[in-house]
Amino acid sequence: YFGEWLEWVGFAILTWSWAGVVFAWWTFANLAPRSAALYKRYSEEF
């Protein structure tokens, strides 16, 4: 998820556009909570 988010941060920079920024924000908004849920799952299981 970090890699995917980083991709779209790069895309926002290389296009220098608000459209790119909103996409990078959407990627984080979707994946950051999921990464937190997976972290909790790993912690509980291992």
All heavy atoms as atom14 arrays in JSON, in Angstrom:
{
  "sequence": "YFGEWLEWVGFAILTWSWAGVVFAWWTFANLAPRSAALYKRYSEEF",
  "atom14_mask": [
    [1, 1, 1, 1, 1, 1, 1, 1, 1, 1, 1, 1, 0, 0],
    [1, 1, 1, 1, 1, 1, 1, 1, 1, 1, 1, 0, 0, 0],
    [1, 1, 1, 1, 0, 0, 0, 0, 0, 0, 0, 0, 0, 0],
    [1, 1, 1, 1, 1, 1, 1, 1, 1, 0, 0, 0, 0, 0],
    [1, 1, 1, 1, 1, 1, 1, 1, 1, 1, 1, 1, 1, 1],
    [1, 1, 1, 1, 1, 1, 1, 1, 0, 0, 0, 0, 0, 0],
    [1, 1, 1, 1, 1, 1, 1, 1, 1, 0, 0, 0, 0, 0],
    [1, 1, 1, 1, 1, 1, 1, 1, 1, 1, 1, 1, 1, 1],
    [1, 1, 1, 1, 1, 1, 1, 0, 0, 0, 0, 0, 0, 0],
    [1, 1, 1, 1, 0, 0, 0, 0, 0, 0, 0, 0, 0, 0],
    [1, 1, 1, 1, 1, 1, 1, 1, 1, 1, 1, 0, 0, 0],
    [1, 1, 1, 1, 1, 0, 0, 0, 0, 0, 0, 0, 0, 0],
    [1, 1, 1, 1, 1, 1, 1, 1, 0, 0, 0, 0, 0, 0],
    [1, 1, 1, 1, 1, 1, 1, 1, 0, 0, 0, 0, 0, 0],
    [1, 1, 1, 1, 1, 1, 1, 0, 0, 0, 0, 0, 0, 0],
    [1, 1, 1, 1, 1, 1, 1, 1, 1, 1, 1, 1, 1, 1],
    [1, 1, 1, 1, 1, 1, 0, 0, 0, 0, 0, 0, 0, 0],
    [1, 1, 1, 1, 1, 1, 1, 1, 1, 1, 1, 1, 1, 1],
    [1, 1, 1, 1, 1, 0, 0, 0, 0, 0, 0, 0, 0, 0],
    [1, 1, 1, 1, 0, 0, 0, 0, 0, 0, 0, 0, 0, 0],
    [1, 1, 1, 1, 1, 1, 1, 0, 0, 0, 0, 0, 0, 0],
    [1, 1, 1, 1, 1, 1, 1, 0, 0, 0, 0, 0, 0, 0],
    [1, 1, 1, 1, 1, 1, 1, 1, 1, 1, 1, 0, 0, 0],
    [1, 1, 1, 1, 1, 0, 0, 0, 0, 0, 0, 0, 0, 0],
    [1, 1, 1, 1, 1, 1, 1, 1, 1, 1, 1, 1, 1, 1],
    [1, 1, 1, 1, 1, 1, 1, 1, 1, 1, 1, 1, 1, 1],
    [1, 1, 1, 1, 1, 1, 1, 0, 0, 0, 0, 0, 0, 0],
    [1, 1, 1, 1, 1, 1, 1, 1, 1, 1, 1, 0, 0, 0],
    [1, 1, 1, 1, 1, 0, 0, 0, 0, 0, 0, 0, 0, 0],
    [1, 1, 1, 1, 1, 1, 1, 1, 0, 0, 0, 0, 0, 0],
    [1, 1, 1, 1, 1, 1, 1, 1, 0, 0, 0, 0, 0, 0],
    [1, 1, 1, 1, 1, 0, 0, 0, 0, 0, 0, 0, 0, 0],
    [1, 1, 1, 1, 1, 1, 1, 0, 0, 0, 0, 0, 0, 0],
    [1, 1, 1, 1, 1, 1, 1, 1, 1, 1, 1, 0, 0, 0],
    [1, 1, 1, 1, 1, 1, 0, 0, 0, 0, 0, 0, 0, 0],
    [1, 1, 1, 1, 1, 0, 0, 0, 0, 0, 0, 0, 0, 0],
    [1, 1, 1, 1, 1, 0, 0, 0, 0, 0, 0, 0, 0, 0],
    [1, 1, 1, 1, 1, 1, 1, 1, 0, 0, 0, 0, 0, 0],
    [1, 1, 1, 1, 1, 1, 1, 1, 1, 1, 1, 1, 0, 0],
    [1, 1, 1, 1, 1, 1, 1, 1, 1, 0, 0, 0, 0, 0],
    [1, 1, 1, 1, 1, 1, 1, 1, 1, 1, 1, 0, 0, 0],
    [1, 1, 1, 1, 1, 1, 1, 1, 1, 1, 1, 1, 0, 0],
    [1, 1, 1, 1, 1, 1, 0, 0, 0, 0, 0, 0, 0, 0],
    [1, 1, 1, 1, 1, 1, 1, 1, 1, 0, 0, 0, 0, 0],
    [1, 1, 1, 1, 1, 1, 1, 1, 1, 0, 0, 0, 0, 0],
    [1, 1, 1, 1, 1, 1, 1, 1, 1, 1, 1, 0, 0, 0]
  ],
  "atom14_positions": [
    [[0.82, -1.21, 0.0], [0.0, 0.0, 0.0], [0.86, 1.26, 0.0], [0.51, 2.26, -0.65], [-0.93, 0.01, 1.21], [-1.96, -1.09, 1.21], [-2.56, -1.51, 2.39], [-2.34, -1.72, 0.03], [-3.51, -2.52, 2.41], [-3.29, -2.73, 0.03], [-3.86, -3.13, 1.21], [-4.8, -4.12, 1.21], [0.0, 0.0, 0.0], [0.0, 0.0, 0.0]],
    [[1.96, 1.21, 0.71], [2.88, 2.35, 0.7], [3.37, 2.6, -0.72], [3.41, 3.75, -1.19], [4.07, 2.09, 1.62], [5.18, 3.09, 1.46], [4.98, 4.42, 1.79], [6.42, 2.7, 0.97], [6.01, 5.36, 1.63], [7.45, 3.62, 0.81], [7.24, 4.95, 1.14], [0.0, 0.0, 0.0], [0.0, 0.0, 0.0], [0.0, 0.0, 0.0]],
    [[3.73, 1.53, -1.43], [4.21, 1.67, -2.8], [3.16, 2.27, -3.71], [3.46, 3.16, -4.52], [0.0, 0.0, 0.0], [0.0, 0.0, 0.0], [0.0, 0.0, 0.0], [0.0, 0.0, 0.0], [0.0, 0.0, 0.0], [0.0, 0.0, 0.0], [0.0, 0.0, 0.0], [0.0, 0.0, 0.0], [0.0, 0.0, 0.0], [0.0, 0.0, 0.0]],
    [[1.91, 1.81, -3.58], [0.85, 2.35, -4.43], [0.59, 3.82, -4.13], [0.42, 4.64, -5.05], [-0.43, 1.53, -4.24], [-1.54, 1.95, -5.18], [-2.69, 0.96, -5.23], [-2.56, -0.13, -4.64], [-3.71, 1.29, -5.86], [0.0, 0.0, 0.0], [0.0, 0.0, 0.0], [0.0, 0.0, 0.0], [0.0, 0.0, 0.0], [0.0, 0.0, 0.0]],
    [[0.54, 4.17, -2.86], [0.34, 5.58, -2.5], [1.48, 6.44, -3.03], [1.26, 7.53, -3.56], [0.24, 5.72, -0.98], [0.2, 7.13, -0.51], [-0.82, 8.02, -0.66], [1.24, 7.83, 0.19], [-0.48, 9.24, -0.11], [0.76, 9.15, 0.42], [2.5, 7.48, 0.64], [1.55, 10.1, 1.08], [3.26, 8.41, 1.3], [2.79, 9.72, 1.52]],
    [[2.73, 5.93, -2.92], [3.88, 6.68, -3.4], [3.81, 6.92, -4.9], [4.19, 7.99, -5.38], [5.17, 5.92, -3.04], [6.48, 6.71, -3.08], [6.45, 7.83, -2.04], [7.67, 5.78, -2.82], [0.0, 0.0, 0.0], [0.0, 0.0, 0.0], [0.0, 0.0, 0.0], [0.0, 0.0, 0.0], [0.0, 0.0, 0.0], [0.0, 0.0, 0.0]],
    [[3.33, 5.93, -5.63], [3.15, 6.1, -7.07], [2.31, 7.34, -7.39], [2.68, 8.16, -8.23], [2.43, 4.89, -7.67], [3.31, 3.72, -7.99], [2.52, 2.65, -8.71], [2.21, 2.84, -9.91], [2.19, 1.62, -8.09], [0.0, 0.0, 0.0], [0.0, 0.0, 0.0], [0.0, 0.0, 0.0], [0.0, 0.0, 0.0], [0.0, 0.0, 0.0]],
    [[1.19, 7.46, -6.69], [0.27, 8.54, -7.03], [0.69, 9.88, -6.44], [0.29, 10.93, -6.96], [-1.15, 8.14, -6.65], [-1.53, 6.89, -7.37], [-1.92, 5.7, -6.82], [-1.5, 6.68, -8.79], [-2.14, 4.77, -7.81], [-1.88, 5.34, -9.03], [-1.18, 7.49, -9.88], [-1.95, 4.81, -10.31], [-1.24, 6.94, -11.16], [-1.62, 5.63, -11.36]],
    [[1.51, 9.86, -5.42], [2.15, 11.1, -4.98], [3.08, 11.57, -6.09], [3.11, 12.75, -6.45], [2.95, 10.88, -3.67], [3.84, 12.09, -3.38], [1.99, 10.65, -2.5], [0.0, 0.0, 0.0], [0.0, 0.0, 0.0], [0.0, 0.0, 0.0], [0.0, 0.0, 0.0], [0.0, 0.0, 0.0], [0.0, 0.0, 0.0], [0.0, 0.0, 0.0]],
    [[3.84, 10.62, -6.66], [4.72, 10.97, -7.78], [3.94, 11.49, -8.97], [4.36, 12.45, -9.63], [0.0, 0.0, 0.0], [0.0, 0.0, 0.0], [0.0, 0.0, 0.0], [0.0, 0.0, 0.0], [0.0, 0.0, 0.0], [0.0, 0.0, 0.0], [0.0, 0.0, 0.0], [0.0, 0.0, 0.0], [0.0, 0.0, 0.0], [0.0, 0.0, 0.0]],
    [[2.8, 10.87, -9.25], [1.98, 11.31, -10.39], [1.44, 12.72, -10.16], [1.4, 13.54, -11.08], [0.82, 10.33, -10.6], [0.09, 10.52, -11.89], [0.63, 10.03, -13.08], [-1.13, 11.16, -11.94], [-0.04, 10.19, -14.29], [-1.81, 11.33, -13.14], [-1.27, 10.85, -14.31], [0.0, 0.0, 0.0], [0.0, 0.0, 0.0], [0.0, 0.0, 0.0]],
    [[1.04, 13.01, -8.92], [0.55, 14.35, -8.59], [1.66, 15.39, -8.8], [1.41, 16.49, -9.29], [0.05, 14.4, -7.15], [0.0, 0.0, 0.0], [0.0, 0.0, 0.0], [0.0, 0.0, 0.0], [0.0, 0.0, 0.0], [0.0, 0.0, 0.0], [0.0, 0.0, 0.0], [0.0, 0.0, 0.0], [0.0, 0.0, 0.0], [0.0, 0.0, 0.0]],
    [[2.9, 15.01, -8.45], [4.02, 15.93, -8.6], [4.37, 16.12, -10.08], [4.57, 17.24, -10.55], [5.25, 15.42, -7.82], [4.96, 15.47, -6.31], [6.49, 16.26, -8.14], [6.02, 14.8, -5.46], [0.0, 0.0, 0.0], [0.0, 0.0, 0.0], [0.0, 0.0, 0.0], [0.0, 0.0, 0.0], [0.0, 0.0, 0.0], [0.0, 0.0, 0.0]],
    [[4.44, 15.02, -10.83], [4.89, 15.13, -12.23], [3.85, 15.81, -13.12], [4.2, 16.42, -14.13], [5.29, 13.77, -12.78], [4.23, 12.69, -13.02], [3.68, 12.77, -14.43], [4.83, 11.3, -12.78], [0.0, 0.0, 0.0], [0.0, 0.0, 0.0], [0.0, 0.0, 0.0], [0.0, 0.0, 0.0], [0.0, 0.0, 0.0], [0.0, 0.0, 0.0]],
    [[2.56, 15.73, -12.74], [1.54, 16.46, -13.48], [1.3, 17.85, -12.89], [0.71, 18.71, -13.53], [0.2, 15.71, -13.49], [-0.25, 15.52, -12.13], [0.32, 14.36, -14.18], [0.0, 0.0, 0.0], [0.0, 0.0, 0.0], [0.0, 0.0, 0.0], [0.0, 0.0, 0.0], [0.0, 0.0, 0.0], [0.0, 0.0, 0.0], [0.0, 0.0, 0.0]],
    [[1.75, 18.04, -11.64], [1.59, 19.32, -10.92], [0.15, 19.79, -11.02], [-0.13, 20.92, -11.43], [2.54, 20.35, -11.48], [2.97, 21.39, -10.48], [2.71, 22.75, -10.51], [3.76, 21.19, -9.29], [3.26, 23.37, -9.43], [3.93, 22.44, -8.66], [4.34, 20.06, -8.7], [4.64, 22.6, -7.47], [5.04, 20.21, -7.52], [5.19, 21.47, -6.92]],
    [[-0.76, 18.9, -10.61], [-2.18, 19.18, -10.79], [-2.96, 18.86, -9.52], [-2.59, 17.96, -8.75], [-2.74, 18.33, -11.93], [-2.7, 16.94, -11.59], [0.0, 0.0, 0.0], [0.0, 0.0, 0.0], [0.0, 0.0, 0.0], [0.0, 0.0, 0.0], [0.0, 0.0, 0.0], [0.0, 0.0, 0.0], [0.0, 0.0, 0.0], [0.0, 0.0, 0.0]],
    [[-4.07, 19.59, -9.3], [-4.96, 19.29, -8.18], [-5.65, 17.96, -8.4], [-5.98, 17.26, -7.43], [-5.97, 20.42, -7.99], [-5.39, 21.61, -7.31], [-5.18, 22.86, -7.84], [-4.92, 21.69, -5.95], [-4.62, 23.7, -6.92], [-4.45, 23.01, -5.74], [-4.85, 20.78, -4.9], [-3.92, 23.44, -4.53], [-4.32, 21.19, -3.69], [-3.86, 22.51, -3.51]],
    [[-5.88, 17.6, -9.64], [-6.49, 16.29, -9.92], [-5.59, 15.17, -9.4], [-6.07, 14.21, -8.79], [-6.72, 16.12, -11.42], [0.0, 0.0, 0.0], [0.0, 0.0, 0.0], [0.0, 0.0, 0.0], [0.0, 0.0, 0.0], [0.0, 0.0, 0.0], [0.0, 0.0, 0.0], [0.0, 0.0, 0.0], [0.0, 0.0, 0.0], [0.0, 0.0, 0.0]],
    [[-4.3, 15.31, -9.62], [-3.34, 14.32, -9.12], [-3.29, 14.31, -7.6], [-3.19, 13.25, -6.97], [0.0, 0.0, 0.0], [0.0, 0.0, 0.0], [0.0, 0.0, 0.0], [0.0, 0.0, 0.0], [0.0, 0.0, 0.0], [0.0, 0.0, 0.0], [0.0, 0.0, 0.0], [0.0, 0.0, 0.0], [0.0, 0.0, 0.0], [0.0, 0.0, 0.0]],
    [[-3.37, 15.5, -7.0], [-3.34, 15.6, -5.53], [-4.56, 14.91, -4.92], [-4.45, 14.16, -3.95], [-3.3, 17.08, -5.08], [-3.52, 17.2, -3.57], [-1.97, 17.71, -5.46], [0.0, 0.0, 0.0], [0.0, 0.0, 0.0], [0.0, 0.0, 0.0], [0.0, 0.0, 0.0], [0.0, 0.0, 0.0], [0.0, 0.0, 0.0], [0.0, 0.0, 0.0]],
    [[-5.73, 15.13, -5.52], [-6.95, 14.51, -5.0], [-6.87, 12.99, -5.12], [-7.3, 12.26, -4.22], [-8.2, 15.05, -5.73], [-9.45, 14.26, -5.32], [-8.39, 16.52, -5.43], [0.0, 0.0, 0.0], [0.0, 0.0, 0.0], [0.0, 0.0, 0.0], [0.0, 0.0, 0.0], [0.0, 0.0, 0.0], [0.0, 0.0, 0.0], [0.0, 0.0, 0.0]],
    [[-6.28, 12.5, -6.21], [-6.12, 11.05, -6.36], [-5.17, 10.5, -5.3], [-5.43, 9.44, -4.7], [-5.61, 10.72, -7.77], [-5.5, 9.25, -8.05], [-6.22, 8.3, -7.33], [-4.66, 8.8, -9.06], [-6.1, 6.94, -7.6], [-4.54, 7.44, -9.34], [-5.26, 6.51, -8.62], [0.0, 0.0, 0.0], [0.0, 0.0, 0.0], [0.0, 0.0, 0.0]],
    [[-4.06, 11.18, -5.06], [-3.12, 10.73, -4.02], [-3.8, 10.73, -2.66], [-3.59, 9.82, -1.84], [-1.89, 11.62, -4.01], [0.0, 0.0, 0.0], [0.0, 0.0, 0.0], [0.0, 0.0, 0.0], [0.0, 0.0, 0.0], [0.0, 0.0, 0.0], [0.0, 0.0, 0.0], [0.0, 0.0, 0.0], [0.0, 0.0, 0.0], [0.0, 0.0, 0.0]],
    [[-4.62, 11.75, -2.39], [-5.37, 11.83, -1.15], [-6.38, 10.68, -1.05], [-6.52, 10.04, -0.01], [-6.06, 13.18, -1.04], [-7.19, 13.3, -0.05], [-8.4, 13.84, -0.3], [-7.21, 12.9, 1.33], [-9.2, 13.8, 0.82], [-8.48, 13.22, 1.84], [-6.28, 12.29, 2.16], [-8.86, 12.95, 3.15], [-6.65, 12.01, 3.48], [-7.91, 12.35, 3.96]],
    [[-7.08, 10.39, -2.13], [-8.03, 9.28, -2.15], [-7.32, 7.96, -1.87], [-7.82, 7.1, -1.14], [-8.72, 9.2, -3.52], [-10.16, 9.57, -3.48], [-10.73, 10.75, -3.87], [-11.25, 8.76, -3.03], [-12.08, 10.73, -3.69], [-12.44, 9.52, -3.17], [-11.34, 7.47, -2.51], [-13.7, 9.03, -2.82], [-12.6, 6.97, -2.16], [-13.75, 7.74, -2.31]],
    [[-6.15, 7.77, -2.47], [-5.39, 6.54, -2.26], [-5.03, 6.38, -0.79], [-5.19, 5.29, -0.21], [-4.11, 6.55, -3.12], [-4.45, 6.74, -4.5], [-3.35, 5.24, -2.98], [0.0, 0.0, 0.0], [0.0, 0.0, 0.0], [0.0, 0.0, 0.0], [0.0, 0.0, 0.0], [0.0, 0.0, 0.0], [0.0, 0.0, 0.0], [0.0, 0.0, 0.0]],
    [[-4.58, 7.46, -0.17], [-4.25, 7.41, 1.26], [-5.5, 7.18, 2.09], [-5.49, 6.37, 3.03], [-3.56, 8.7, 1.68], [-3.12, 8.69, 3.12], [-1.94, 8.06, 3.49], [-3.88, 9.29, 4.11], [-1.53, 8.04, 4.82], [-3.49, 9.27, 5.43], [-2.31, 8.64, 5.79], [0.0, 0.0, 0.0], [0.0, 0.0, 0.0], [0.0, 0.0, 0.0]],
    [[-6.59, 7.88, 1.75], [-7.82, 7.76, 2.51], [-8.37, 6.35, 2.48], [-8.99, 5.88, 3.44], [-8.87, 8.74, 1.97], [0.0, 0.0, 0.0], [0.0, 0.0, 0.0], [0.0, 0.0, 0.0], [0.0, 0.0, 0.0], [0.0, 0.0, 0.0], [0.0, 0.0, 0.0], [0.0, 0.0, 0.0], [0.0, 0.0, 0.0], [0.0, 0.0, 0.0]],
    [[-8.14, 5.65, 1.39], [-8.61, 4.28, 1.24], [-7.66, 3.27, 1.89], [-8.11, 2.33, 2.56], [-8.77, 3.96, -0.25], [-9.25, 2.53, -0.49], [-10.1, 2.02, 0.23], [-8.7, 1.9, -1.5], [0.0, 0.0, 0.0], [0.0, 0.0, 0.0], [0.0, 0.0, 0.0], [0.0, 0.0, 0.0], [0.0, 0.0, 0.0], [0.0, 0.0, 0.0]],
    [[-6.37, 3.47, 1.7], [-5.4, 2.46, 2.12], [-4.88, 2.62, 3.55], [-4.51, 1.64, 4.19], [-4.22, 2.44, 1.15], [-4.56, 2.06, -0.3], [-3.3, 2.03, -1.15], [-5.28, 0.71, -0.35], [0.0, 0.0, 0.0], [0.0, 0.0, 0.0], [0.0, 0.0, 0.0], [0.0, 0.0, 0.0], [0.0, 0.0, 0.0], [0.0, 0.0, 0.0]],
    [[-4.82, 3.85, 4.06], [-4.3, 4.05, 5.42], [-5.17, 3.35, 6.47], [-4.65, 2.65, 7.35], [-4.16, 5.53, 5.72], [0.0, 0.0, 0.0], [0.0, 0.0, 0.0], [0.0, 0.0, 0.0], [0.0, 0.0, 0.0], [0.0, 0.0, 0.0], [0.0, 0.0, 0.0], [0.0, 0.0, 0.0], [0.0, 0.0, 0.0], [0.0, 0.0, 0.0]],
    [[-6.51, 3.51, 6.44], [-7.33, 2.78, 7.41], [-7.22, 1.27, 7.25], [-7.24, 0.53, 8.24], [-8.75, 3.26, 7.1], [-8.58, 4.57, 6.43], [-7.32, 4.42, 5.62], [0.0, 0.0, 0.0], [0.0, 0.0, 0.0], [0.0, 0.0, 0.0], [0.0, 0.0, 0.0], [0.0, 0.0, 0.0], [0.0, 0.0, 0.0], [0.0, 0.0, 0.0]],
    [[-7.1, 0.8, 6.0], [-6.96, -0.64, 5.78], [-5.63, -1.13, 6.33], [-5.56, -2.21, 6.91], [-7.06, -0.96, 4.29], [-6.99, -2.46, 4.02], [-7.38, -2.81, 2.61], [-7.24, -4.24, 2.37], [-8.13, -5.16, 2.72], [-9.23, -4.79, 3.33], [-7.93, -6.44, 2.45], [0.0, 0.0, 0.0], [0.0, 0.0, 0.0], [0.0, 0.0, 0.0]],
    [[-4.58, -0.33, 6.17], [-3.29, -0.73, 6.72], [-3.36, -0.8, 8.24], [-2.72, -1.66, 8.86], [-2.19, 0.25, 6.28], [-2.31, 1.49, 6.93], [0.0, 0.0, 0.0], [0.0, 0.0, 0.0], [0.0, 0.0, 0.0], [0.0, 0.0, 0.0], [0.0, 0.0, 0.0], [0.0, 0.0, 0.0], [0.0, 0.0, 0.0], [0.0, 0.0, 0.0]],
    [[-4.14, 0.09, 8.86], [-4.31, 0.06, 10.31], [-5.06, -1.2, 10.74], [-4.72, -1.82, 11.75], [-5.07, 1.31, 10.77], [0.0, 0.0, 0.0], [0.0, 0.0, 0.0], [0.0, 0.0, 0.0], [0.0, 0.0, 0.0], [0.0, 0.0, 0.0], [0.0, 0.0, 0.0], [0.0, 0.0, 0.0], [0.0, 0.0, 0.0], [0.0, 0.0, 0.0]],
    [[-6.06, -1.58, 9.95], [-6.82, -2.8, 10.26], [-5.93, -4.04, 10.12], [-6.01, -4.97, 10.94], [-8.03, -2.91, 9.34], [0.0, 0.0, 0.0], [0.0, 0.0, 0.0], [0.0, 0.0, 0.0], [0.0, 0.0, 0.0], [0.0, 0.0, 0.0], [0.0, 0.0, 0.0], [0.0, 0.0, 0.0], [0.0, 0.0, 0.0], [0.0, 0.0, 0.0]],
    [[-5.09, -4.06, 9.09], [-4.18, -5.18, 8.9], [-3.13, -5.22, 10.01], [-2.76, -6.31, 10.48], [-3.5, -5.08, 7.53], [-4.41, -5.37, 6.33], [-3.69, -5.02, 5.03], [-4.83, -6.84, 6.33], [0.0, 0.0, 0.0], [0.0, 0.0, 0.0], [0.0, 0.0, 0.0], [0.0, 0.0, 0.0], [0.0, 0.0, 0.0], [0.0, 0.0, 0.0]],
    [[-2.65, -4.05, 10.43], [-1.68, -3.98, 11.53], [-2.29, -4.59, 12.79], [-1.64, -5.37, 13.5], [-1.29, -2.53, 11.76], [-0.17, -2.34, 12.76], [1.15, -2.26, 12.34], [-0.44, -2.24, 14.13], [2.19, -2.09, 13.25], [0.58, -2.07, 15.04], [1.89, -1.99, 14.59], [2.91, -1.82, 15.51], [0.0, 0.0, 0.0], [0.0, 0.0, 0.0]],
    [[-3.54, -4.24, 13.06], [-4.23, -4.79, 14.23], [-4.38, -6.3, 14.11], [-4.18, -7.03, 15.09], [-5.61, -4.13, 14.36], [-6.42, -4.62, 15.55], [-7.77, -3.93, 15.61], [-8.59, -4.45, 16.79], [-9.94, -3.81, 16.82], [0.0, 0.0, 0.0], [0.0, 0.0, 0.0], [0.0, 0.0, 0.0], [0.0, 0.0, 0.0], [0.0, 0.0, 0.0]],
    [[-4.71, -6.78, 12.9], [-4.86, -8.22, 12.67], [-3.54, -8.95, 12.9], [-3.5, -10.0, 13.55], [-5.37, -8.44, 11.25], [-5.55, -9.91, 10.87], [-6.71, -10.55, 11.6], [-6.91, -11.91, 11.14], [-7.73, -12.25, 10.13], [-8.43, -11.31, 9.51], [-7.85, -13.52, 9.77], [0.0, 0.0, 0.0], [0.0, 0.0, 0.0], [0.0, 0.0, 0.0]],
    [[-2.46, -8.4, 12.37], [-1.14, -9.01, 12.59], [-0.8, -9.03, 14.08], [-0.28, -10.03, 14.6], [-0.06, -8.23, 11.84], [0.02, -8.51, 10.36], [-0.02, -7.45, 9.44], [0.18, -9.79, 9.87], [0.07, -7.69, 8.07], [0.28, -10.04, 8.51], [0.21, -8.98, 7.62], [0.31, -9.22, 6.28], [0.0, 0.0, 0.0], [0.0, 0.0, 0.0]],
    [[-1.09, -7.94, 14.77], [-0.78, -7.84, 16.2], [-1.56, -8.88, 17.0], [-1.02, -9.52, 17.92], [-1.11, -6.44, 16.73], [-0.32, -5.47, 16.07], [0.0, 0.0, 0.0], [0.0, 0.0, 0.0], [0.0, 0.0, 0.0], [0.0, 0.0, 0.0], [0.0, 0.0, 0.0], [0.0, 0.0, 0.0], [0.0, 0.0, 0.0], [0.0, 0.0, 0.0]],
    [[-2.82, -9.06, 16.67], [-3.66, -10.03, 17.38], [-3.24, -11.46, 17.07], [-3.25, -12.32, 17.96], [-5.12, -9.82, 16.99], [-5.71, -8.51, 17.49], [-7.11, -8.24, 16.95], [-7.53, -8.94, 15.99], [-7.78, -7.34, 17.48], [0.0, 0.0, 0.0], [0.0, 0.0, 0.0], [0.0, 0.0, 0.0], [0.0, 0.0, 0.0], [0.0, 0.0, 0.0]],
    [[-2.87, -11.71, 15.82], [-2.57, -13.07, 15.4], [-1.16, -13.52, 15.78], [-0.94, -14.68, 16.14], [-2.76, -13.2, 13.89], [-2.7, -14.64, 13.39], [-3.25, -14.78, 11.98], [-3.98, -13.87, 11.53], [-2.95, -15.8, 11.34], [0.0, 0.0, 0.0], [0.0, 0.0, 0.0], [0.0, 0.0, 0.0], [0.0, 0.0, 0.0], [0.0, 0.0, 0.0]],
    [[-0.2, -12.59, 15.75], [1.19, -12.97, 15.98], [1.79, -12.4, 17.26], [2.89, -12.79, 17.65], [2.04, -12.54, 14.78], [1.66, -13.23, 13.5], [0.89, -12.57, 12.56], [2.05, -14.53, 13.24], [0.52, -13.18, 11.37], [1.69, -15.16, 12.05], [0.92, -14.48, 11.12], [0.0, 0.0, 0.0], [0.0, 0.0, 0.0], [0.0, 0.0, 0.0]]
  ]
}
